[in-house]
Each structure stands twice: as structure tokens, then as C-alpha cells.
PDB file of all heavy atoms in Angstrom:
ATOM      1  N   LEU A   1     183.949  38.317 141.795  1.00  0.00           N
ATOM      2  CA  LEU A   1     182.968  37.273 142.081  1.00  0.00           C
ATOM      3  C   LEU A   1     181.584  37.693 141.642  1.00  0.00           C
ATOM      4  O   LEU A   1     181.283  38.875 141.540  1.00  0.00           O
ATOM      5  CB  LEU A   1     182.927  36.972 143.587  1.00  0.00           C
ATOM      6  CG  LEU A   1     184.224  36.570 144.245  1.00  0.00           C
ATOM      7  CD1 LEU A   1     183.992  36.336 145.734  1.00  0.00           C
ATOM      8  CD2 LEU A   1     184.821  35.342 143.606  1.00  0.00           C
ATOM      9  N   GLN A   2     180.741  36.719 141.434  1.00  0.00           N
ATOM     10  CA  GLN A   2     179.330  36.960 141.138  1.00  0.00           C
ATOM     11  C   GLN A   2     178.610  37.239 142.451  1.00  0.00           C
ATOM     12  O   GLN A   2     178.952  36.674 143.492  1.00  0.00           O
ATOM     13  CB  GLN A   2     178.728  35.733 140.468  1.00  0.00           C
ATOM     14  CG  GLN A   2     177.274  35.894 140.095  1.00  0.00           C
ATOM     15  CD  GLN A   2     176.806  34.745 139.220  1.00  0.00           C
ATOM     16  OE1 GLN A   2     177.542  34.248 138.387  1.00  0.00           O
ATOM     17  NE2 GLN A   2     175.574  34.330 139.430  1.00  0.00           N
ATOM     18  N   ALA A   3     177.613  38.103 142.427  1.00  0.00           N
ATOM     19  CA  ALA A   3     176.813  38.363 143.620  1.00  0.00           C
ATOM     20  C   ALA A   3     176.293  37.031 144.158  1.00  0.00           C
ATOM     21  O   ALA A   3     175.816  36.192 143.404  1.00  0.00           O
ATOM     22  CB  ALA A   3     175.657  39.301 143.285  1.00  0.00           C
ATOM     23  N   GLY A   4     176.432  36.827 145.455  1.00  0.00           N
ATOM     24  CA  GLY A   4     175.992  35.578 146.070  1.00  0.00           C
ATOM     25  C   GLY A   4     177.098  34.563 146.278  1.00  0.00           C
ATOM     26  O   GLY A   4     176.939  33.612 147.039  1.00  0.00           O
ATOM     27  N   ASP A   5     178.247  34.727 145.599  1.00  0.00           N
ATOM     28  CA  ASP A   5     179.382  33.850 145.840  1.00  0.00           C
ATOM     29  C   ASP A   5     179.948  34.156 147.227  1.00  0.00           C
ATOM     30  O   ASP A   5     179.811  35.273 147.730  1.00  0.00           O
ATOM     31  CB  ASP A   5     180.484  34.069 144.802  1.00  0.00           C
ATOM     32  CG  ASP A   5     180.103  33.563 143.420  1.00  0.00           C
ATOM     33  OD1 ASP A   5     179.037  32.933 143.282  1.00  0.00           O
ATOM     34  OD2 ASP A   5     180.880  33.801 142.480  1.00  0.00           O
ATOM     35  N   THR A   6     180.600  33.188 147.848  1.00  0.00           N
ATOM     36  CA  THR A   6     181.205  33.419 149.149  1.00  0.00           C
ATOM     37  C   THR A   6     182.706  33.164 149.081  1.00  0.00           C
ATOM     38  O   THR A   6     183.164  32.245 148.399  1.00  0.00           O
ATOM     39  CB  THR A   6     180.587  32.527 150.246  1.00  0.00           C
ATOM     40  OG1 THR A   6     180.759  31.160 149.881  1.00  0.00           O
ATOM     41  CG2 THR A   6     179.118  32.825 150.442  1.00  0.00           C
ATOM     42  N   ALA A   7     183.448  33.989 149.791  1.00  0.00           N
ATOM     43  CA  ALA A   7     184.896  33.866 149.873  1.00  0.00           C
ATOM     44  C   ALA A   7     185.285  34.177 151.312  1.00  0.00           C
ATOM     45  O   ALA A   7     185.123  35.307 151.768  1.00  0.00           O
ATOM     46  CB  ALA A   7     185.568  34.836 148.903  1.00  0.00           C
ATOM     47  N   VAL A   8     185.741  33.147 152.043  1.00  0.00           N
ATOM     48  CA  VAL A   8     186.049  33.315 153.458  1.00  0.00           C
ATOM     49  C   VAL A   8     187.422  32.740 153.793  1.00  0.00           C
ATOM     50  O   VAL A   8     187.932  31.879 153.091  1.00  0.00           O
ATOM     51  CB  VAL A   8     184.990  32.646 154.373  1.00  0.00           C
ATOM     52  CG1 VAL A   8     183.617  33.241 154.161  1.00  0.00           C
ATOM     53  CG2 VAL A   8     184.968  31.146 154.191  1.00  0.00           C
ATOM     54  N   VAL A   9     187.985  33.239 154.885  1.00  0.00           N
ATOM     55  CA  VAL A   9     189.246  32.733 155.403  1.00  0.00           C
ATOM     56  C   VAL A   9     188.971  32.056 156.742  1.00  0.00           C
ATOM     57  O   VAL A   9     188.331  32.634 157.619  1.00  0.00           O
ATOM     58  CB  VAL A   9     190.272  33.871 155.598  1.00  0.00           C
ATOM     59  CG1 VAL A   9     191.564  33.339 156.197  1.00  0.00           C
ATOM     60  CG2 VAL A   9     190.542  34.580 154.283  1.00  0.00           C
ATOM     61  N   ASN A  10     189.445  30.817 156.867  1.00  0.00           N
ATOM     62  CA  ASN A  10     189.329  30.052 158.107  1.00  0.00           C
ATOM     63  C   ASN A  10     190.726  29.753 158.635  1.00  0.00           C
ATOM     64  O   ASN A  10     191.685  29.662 157.872  1.00  0.00           O
ATOM     65  CB  ASN A  10     188.625  28.711 157.865  1.00  0.00           C
ATOM     66  CG  ASN A  10     187.240  28.879 157.301  1.00  0.00           C
ATOM     67  OD1 ASN A  10     186.446  29.653 157.799  1.00  0.00           O
ATOM     68  ND2 ASN A  10     186.939  28.141 156.250  1.00  0.00           N
ATOM     69  N   ILE A  11     190.815  29.545 159.945  1.00  0.00           N
ATOM     70  CA  ILE A  11     192.040  29.046 160.562  1.00  0.00           C
ATOM     71  C   ILE A  11     191.737  27.604 160.959  1.00  0.00           C
ATOM     72  O   ILE A  11     190.761  27.348 161.679  1.00  0.00           O
ATOM     73  CB  ILE A  11     192.431  29.863 161.811  1.00  0.00           C
ATOM     74  CG1 ILE A  11     192.432  31.367 161.513  1.00  0.00           C
ATOM     75  CG2 ILE A  11     193.765  29.380 162.352  1.00  0.00           C
ATOM     76  CD1 ILE A  11     193.372  31.804 160.433  1.00  0.00           C
ATOM     77  N   ILE A  12     192.558  26.666 160.476  1.00  0.00           N
ATOM     78  CA  ILE A  12     192.283  25.249 160.736  1.00  0.00           C
ATOM     79  C   ILE A  12     193.449  24.582 161.452  1.00  0.00           C
ATOM     80  O   ILE A  12     194.599  25.017 161.333  1.00  0.00           O
ATOM     81  CB  ILE A  12     191.950  24.488 159.434  1.00  0.00           C
ATOM     82  CG1 ILE A  12     193.123  24.510 158.455  1.00  0.00           C
ATOM     83  CG2 ILE A  12     190.701  25.053 158.775  1.00  0.00           C
ATOM     84  CD1 ILE A  12     192.914  23.621 157.239  1.00  0.00           C
ATOM     85  N   ASN A  13     193.143  23.522 162.196  1.00  0.00           N
ATOM     86  CA  ASN A  13     194.148  22.720 162.880  1.00  0.00           C
ATOM     87  C   ASN A  13     194.964  21.977 161.823  1.00  0.00           C
ATOM     88  O   ASN A  13     194.399  21.317 160.954  1.00  0.00           O
ATOM     89  CB  ASN A  13     193.460  21.747 163.840  1.00  0.00           C
ATOM     90  CG  ASN A  13     194.452  20.902 164.600  1.00  0.00           C
ATOM     91  OD1 ASN A  13     195.094  20.023 164.030  1.00  0.00           O
ATOM     92  ND2 ASN A  13     194.555  21.166 165.890  1.00  0.00           N
ATOM     93  N   ALA A  14     196.282  22.077 161.902  1.00  0.00           N
ATOM     94  CA  ALA A  14     197.153  21.491 160.877  1.00  0.00           C
ATOM     95  C   ALA A  14     197.133  19.969 160.882  1.00  0.00           C
ATOM     96  O   ALA A  14     197.416  19.345 159.867  1.00  0.00           O
ATOM     97  CB  ALA A  14     198.579  21.986 161.057  1.00  0.00           C
ATOM     98  N   THR A  15     196.787  19.364 161.999  1.00  0.00           N
ATOM     99  CA  THR A  15     196.785  17.904 162.101  1.00  0.00           C
ATOM    100  C   THR A  15     195.437  17.299 161.739  1.00  0.00           C
ATOM    101  O   THR A  15     195.353  16.344 160.976  1.00  0.00           O
ATOM    102  CB  THR A  15     197.170  17.468 163.532  1.00  0.00           C
ATOM    103  OG1 THR A  15     198.431  18.054 163.858  1.00  0.00           O
ATOM    104  CG2 THR A  15     197.264  15.959 163.640  1.00  0.00           C
ATOM    105  N   THR A  16     194.361  17.885 162.279  1.00  0.00           N
ATOM    106  CA  THR A  16     193.031  17.282 162.127  1.00  0.00           C
ATOM    107  C   THR A  16     192.188  17.929 161.025  1.00  0.00           C
ATOM    108  O   THR A  16     191.144  17.400 160.667  1.00  0.00           O
ATOM    109  CB  THR A  16     192.242  17.396 163.439  1.00  0.00           C
ATOM    110  OG1 THR A  16     192.008  18.787 163.723  1.00  0.00           O
ATOM    111  CG2 THR A  16     192.989  16.737 164.593  1.00  0.00           C
ATOM    112  N   ASP A  17     192.598  19.090 160.542  1.00  0.00           N
ATOM    113  CA  ASP A  17     191.834  19.885 159.575  1.00  0.00           C
ATOM    114  C   ASP A  17     190.538  20.441 160.156  1.00  0.00           C
ATOM    115  O   ASP A  17     189.692  20.951 159.428  1.00  0.00           O
ATOM    116  CB  ASP A  17     191.524  19.108 158.291  1.00  0.00           C
ATOM    117  CG  ASP A  17     192.760  18.891 157.438  1.00  0.00           C
ATOM    118  OD1 ASP A  17     193.735  19.654 157.598  1.00  0.00           O
ATOM    119  OD2 ASP A  17     192.750  17.976 156.608  1.00  0.00           O
ATOM    120  N   ASP A  18     190.369  20.351 161.486  1.00  0.00           N
ATOM    121  CA  ASP A  18     189.197  20.956 162.126  1.00  0.00           C
ATOM    122  C   ASP A  18     189.330  22.472 162.074  1.00  0.00           C
ATOM    123  O   ASP A  18     190.431  23.019 162.234  1.00  0.00           O
ATOM    124  CB  ASP A  18     189.080  20.517 163.596  1.00  0.00           C
ATOM    125  CG  ASP A  18     188.750  19.043 163.740  1.00  0.00           C
ATOM    126  OD1 ASP A  18     188.150  18.467 162.797  1.00  0.00           O
ATOM    127  OD2 ASP A  18     189.081  18.464 164.789  1.00  0.00           O
ATOM    128  N   VAL A  19     188.211  23.150 161.879  1.00  0.00           N
ATOM    129  CA  VAL A  19     188.213  24.611 161.862  1.00  0.00           C
ATOM    130  C   VAL A  19     188.342  25.125 163.295  1.00  0.00           C
ATOM    131  O   VAL A  19     187.537  24.782 164.157  1.00  0.00           O
ATOM    132  CB  VAL A  19     186.938  25.162 161.197  1.00  0.00           C
ATOM    133  CG1 VAL A  19     186.894  26.677 161.296  1.00  0.00           C
ATOM    134  CG2 VAL A  19     186.867  24.713 159.741  1.00  0.00           C
ATOM    135  N   ILE A  20     189.377  25.915 163.543  1.00  0.00           N
ATOM    136  CA  ILE A  20     189.589  26.525 164.853  1.00  0.00           C
ATOM    137  C   ILE A  20     188.799  27.822 164.945  1.00  0.00           C
ATOM    138  O   ILE A  20     188.098  28.079 165.917  1.00  0.00           O
ATOM    139  CB  ILE A  20     191.085  26.806 165.104  1.00  0.00           C
ATOM    140  CG1 ILE A  20     191.876  25.497 165.092  1.00  0.00           C
ATOM    141  CG2 ILE A  20     191.293  27.561 166.407  1.00  0.00           C
ATOM    142  CD1 ILE A  20     193.379  25.690 165.044  1.00  0.00           C
ATOM    143  N   VAL A  21     188.934  28.659 163.918  1.00  0.00           N
ATOM    144  CA  VAL A  21     188.202  29.922 163.842  1.00  0.00           C
ATOM    145  C   VAL A  21     187.634  30.033 162.434  1.00  0.00           C
ATOM    146  O   VAL A  21     188.372  30.060 161.458  1.00  0.00           O
ATOM    147  CB  VAL A  21     189.111  31.139 164.129  1.00  0.00           C
ATOM    148  CG1 VAL A  21     188.290  32.409 164.176  1.00  0.00           C
ATOM    149  CG2 VAL A  21     189.896  30.964 165.424  1.00  0.00           C
ATOM    150  N   ALA A  22     186.311  30.073 162.338  1.00  0.00           N
ATOM    151  CA  ALA A  22     185.650  30.148 161.032  1.00  0.00           C
ATOM    152  C   ALA A  22     185.461  31.604 160.615  1.00  0.00           C
ATOM    153  O   ALA A  22     185.167  32.464 161.447  1.00  0.00           O
ATOM    154  CB  ALA A  22     184.289  29.450 161.088  1.00  0.00           C
ATOM    155  N   ALA A  23     185.643  31.846 159.341  1.00  0.00           N
ATOM    156  CA  ALA A  23     185.370  33.151 158.724  1.00  0.00           C
ATOM    157  C   ALA A  23     186.009  34.314 159.484  1.00  0.00           C
ATOM    158  O   ALA A  23     185.348  35.270 159.836  1.00  0.00           O
ATOM    159  CB  ALA A  23     183.871  33.357 158.560  1.00  0.00           C
ATOM    160  N   VAL A  24     187.333  34.220 159.692  1.00  0.00           N
ATOM    161  CA  VAL A  24     188.033  35.356 160.299  1.00  0.00           C
ATOM    162  C   VAL A  24     188.015  36.548 159.343  1.00  0.00           C
ATOM    163  O   VAL A  24     188.230  37.679 159.747  1.00  0.00           O
ATOM    164  CB  VAL A  24     189.493  35.021 160.695  1.00  0.00           C
ATOM    165  CG1 VAL A  24     189.535  34.017 161.817  1.00  0.00           C
ATOM    166  CG2 VAL A  24     190.327  34.593 159.511  1.00  0.00           C
ATOM    167  N   TYR A  25     187.749  36.253 158.076  1.00  0.00           N
ATOM    168  CA  TYR A  25     187.627  37.304 157.058  1.00  0.00           C
ATOM    169  C   TYR A  25     186.659  36.819 155.996  1.00  0.00           C
ATOM    170  O   TYR A  25     186.700  35.661 155.589  1.00  0.00           O
ATOM    171  CB  TYR A  25     188.995  37.588 156.420  1.00  0.00           C
ATOM    172  CG  TYR A  25     188.946  38.554 155.266  1.00  0.00           C
ATOM    173  CD1 TYR A  25     188.762  39.913 155.486  1.00  0.00           C
ATOM    174  CD2 TYR A  25     189.068  38.111 153.954  1.00  0.00           C
ATOM    175  CE1 TYR A  25     188.710  40.811 154.425  1.00  0.00           C
ATOM    176  CE2 TYR A  25     189.026  38.999 152.886  1.00  0.00           C
ATOM    177  CZ  TYR A  25     188.848  40.347 153.128  1.00  0.00           C
ATOM    178  OH  TYR A  25     188.790  41.231 152.082  1.00  0.00           O
ATOM    179  N   THR A  26     185.772  37.696 155.578  1.00  0.00           N
ATOM    180  CA  THR A  26     184.855  37.407 154.478  1.00  0.00           C
ATOM    181  C   THR A  26     185.079  38.456 153.405  1.00  0.00           C
ATOM    182  O   THR A  26     184.931  39.652 153.655  1.00  0.00           O
ATOM    183  CB  THR A  26     183.385  37.449 154.954  1.00  0.00           C
ATOM    184  OG1 THR A  26     183.220  36.493 156.007  1.00  0.00           O
ATOM    185  CG2 THR A  26     182.440  37.123 153.820  1.00  0.00           C
ATOM    186  N   ALA A  27     185.469  38.008 152.217  1.00  0.00           N
ATOM    187  CA  ALA A  27     185.744  38.931 151.119  1.00  0.00           C
ATOM    188  C   ALA A  27     184.445  39.525 150.609  1.00  0.00           C
ATOM    189  O   ALA A  27     183.405  38.878 150.594  1.00  0.00           O
ATOM    190  CB  ALA A  27     186.471  38.209 149.989  1.00  0.00           C
ATOM    191  N   ASP A  28     184.512  40.764 150.191  1.00  0.00           N
ATOM    192  CA  ASP A  28     183.350  41.477 149.673  1.00  0.00           C
ATOM    193  C   ASP A  28     183.694  41.999 148.288  1.00  0.00           C
ATOM    194  O   ASP A  28     184.748  42.585 148.080  1.00  0.00           O
ATOM    195  CB  ASP A  28     183.002  42.630 150.610  1.00  0.00           C
ATOM    196  CG  ASP A  28     181.726  43.336 150.210  1.00  0.00           C
ATOM    197  OD1 ASP A  28     180.856  42.713 149.595  1.00  0.00           O
ATOM    198  OD2 ASP A  28     181.604  44.535 150.518  1.00  0.00           O
ATOM    199  N   ASP A  29     182.800  41.766 147.327  1.00  0.00           N
ATOM    200  CA  ASP A  29     183.059  42.170 145.944  1.00  0.00           C
ATOM    201  C   ASP A  29     181.859  42.918 145.402  1.00  0.00           C
ATOM    202  O   ASP A  29     180.718  42.671 145.795  1.00  0.00           O
ATOM    203  CB  ASP A  29     183.356  40.941 145.091  1.00  0.00           C
ATOM    204  CG  ASP A  29     183.737  41.281 143.672  1.00  0.00           C
ATOM    205  OD1 ASP A  29     184.430  42.295 143.468  1.00  0.00           O
ATOM    206  OD2 ASP A  29     183.348  40.550 142.762  1.00  0.00           O
ATOM    207  N   SER A  30     182.110  43.778 144.446  1.00  0.00           N
ATOM    208  CA  SER A  30     181.046  44.566 143.829  1.00  0.00           C
ATOM    209  C   SER A  30     180.148  43.722 142.932  1.00  0.00           C
ATOM    210  O   SER A  30     179.039  44.116 142.616  1.00  0.00           O
ATOM    211  CB  SER A  30     181.661  45.687 142.994  1.00  0.00           C
ATOM    212  OG  SER A  30     182.375  45.135 141.902  1.00  0.00           O
TER     213      SER A  30
END
């Protein structure tokens, strides 16, 4: 990724698509 790009993992409700837990993981790149 380019510096400043964001890459995150969210857990979402399968029915409503609402985010249950935001950014359980944030990827980090050189």
C-alpha cells in the first residue's frame, strides 16, 4: 500500500450490514 492508505477488518451483522466491531485489525505496510 501507499503511505496513508487504510486497510481494516470489520465484523458486520450478516442481515443488516451494520458494523458490530470496527477495525478489529488494521493492516500496516512499509
